[in-house]
C-alpha cells in the first residue's frame, strides 16, 4: 500500500523477488518478542497493530543499513527449515495420505490409471482394478496409442521393451559415455616456446580446477600442453579464460580434442548451462581451507545460499581446492559469482555445468583412460567386416531412433504435465550398472518448436 499518511510495514522489510516476511517472524527477529500465540484462538488485532507500529519506528530509527545487518533472509530460510522438521509426523490423516499409492489416490477420486505395454511384458499393474491396460504388439504401436490415450487419463505409465539392447552393448555404451566425458574435460593448449617455464604453466592450468593428468605434446612443431581435468567446469573455465590470450610471450589457442565423441560438445555445454538444476549453481576454483568459514561470516553478501559442496579426496579425506555453491535463484548465483571472482576474494569460477546425479554416476563408474592422441589411419573394411560393423551398429541406431520417437511423444504432451522417465539398471557378467531417473515438468516453451519434435 502506498499513501501519504500510511506506511505498509511489509514493504519496509522486503524479501528477495518481492516476497514478504510474516509479521510473527519480524516480531521475533527484529523486536525479540513473541506474538500470535498458538494457544489463542485467532489473531489479536491490537497486538498485531502495536507490533506493526513498533516495526515502523524501528526502521525509521535505525535505517535500512541496520536491517541489512540482521540478515533476515538467511534467518527466515533457517526458520522455515526448522518449522518443516517440527511438523507433526504422527497425525493419522497425514500418515495415511502419505502412504497411499498412486492407484489408491486415483481410486479415491474415481479416476483410473492408464498402462500401455507390449503383449509379451507382464506387470502387477495389469491386474489392478482401477487400471486401464492396453497391450500392443510392438513398441511402435505403444507410442502411437500413447499419443491418443494419454490426454484422456490423469496418470499414465508407458512401458517400452528393447530386446536388442544386450548387456554387452549397454556396457559398451557406458564406456563410450565415460570416454566422452573424459574427452570433453580435456584441453589442448599451445603453441608454447621450447624454452617455456613448465612450472609456471602447470600452476596456471591447475588454477582452474583439479587436474587428473598433464602432459607435454612434442609431436607438433612447437610444444603443446594436454590437460585432463576432473570436472567439466574446470576445462570450460580454462578455455574461456585462456583461449586467444598471450602466455609466455605467445598467443595460444586452448581447445578440446576433436573426435567423433566431442563434435557436439558446444551444444552439450549450452544444454547443461540451461539445465534447471544448474541455473542456481556456481563452480569455484582455488578455495582455501578457511573458505567455508569466511563465507558463513559474510553470509549477508550471499542471499539465497542453500548449500556449500566441498568435495574431498577419496583416499586422503582432505578437501579439494574447488567447490560448488547452490543458490535459490539464478540472480542470486550471478550476484555471488561477481563478488567471489572480484578483487576481495580473487577466486576463479563460472556457472556450474554438471548436475548432481551426473557427479554420482561418474564417481560410481571406474575411470576410463582416453584413447591415444594423434591421427588414426583406418583401412577400408572388407565386405565381411562391413557386415559385422553393420550388425554391431544396428542396436545403437535403433536406440537413437527410439530416443527420437520418445522425444516426439514428450513434445505432444500438454504443458504442465509431470514426466518421469525410468531407465532400469542392469546386472550381468559384463558388470553392474545403476539405473537413472529423469524428471521434469513440460512447459509452454517446449511446445513451440523444439528440434527434437521436427
Foldseek 3Di string as FASTA:
>chain_A
DDDPPDDDLQVLLADPPRDGDDLQLCCCLPVVDGAPDVVDDDHDPVVSVVSSVVSVVVCVVPHPVVVLVSLSLVVVVVVVVVVVVPPDPPDPVVVVVVPDDPQRVQVVVPFAEEEEEAPVDDDPLVPDPRYHYDHDPALVVLLVVCLVCVVVHPHYHRDHDDPVCDPVNVLVVVLLVLQLQQQLQKKKKDQDAPPDDPVVVVVVLCQLDAWPDKDWDDPDPGIMIITGHPANFSLVLCQVPQAQDADNNRGMHMDTDDDPSCPCVVVLQVVLCPPPQQLQKKKWFQADPCNVVVCVVVVSQQRQWDDKAFDADPPPRHTTRMIMTGGPGNVSSVSVQCVCCDPVNVIGIDGDRDHPVNVVQSVVDDRHDHDDDDDDDDDDDDPVVVVVVCSSCVSVVVVVVVVLSVVLSVLSDDFQDKDKDKAQWDDDPSDTHHIDIDIDGHHPVSNPDDPSND
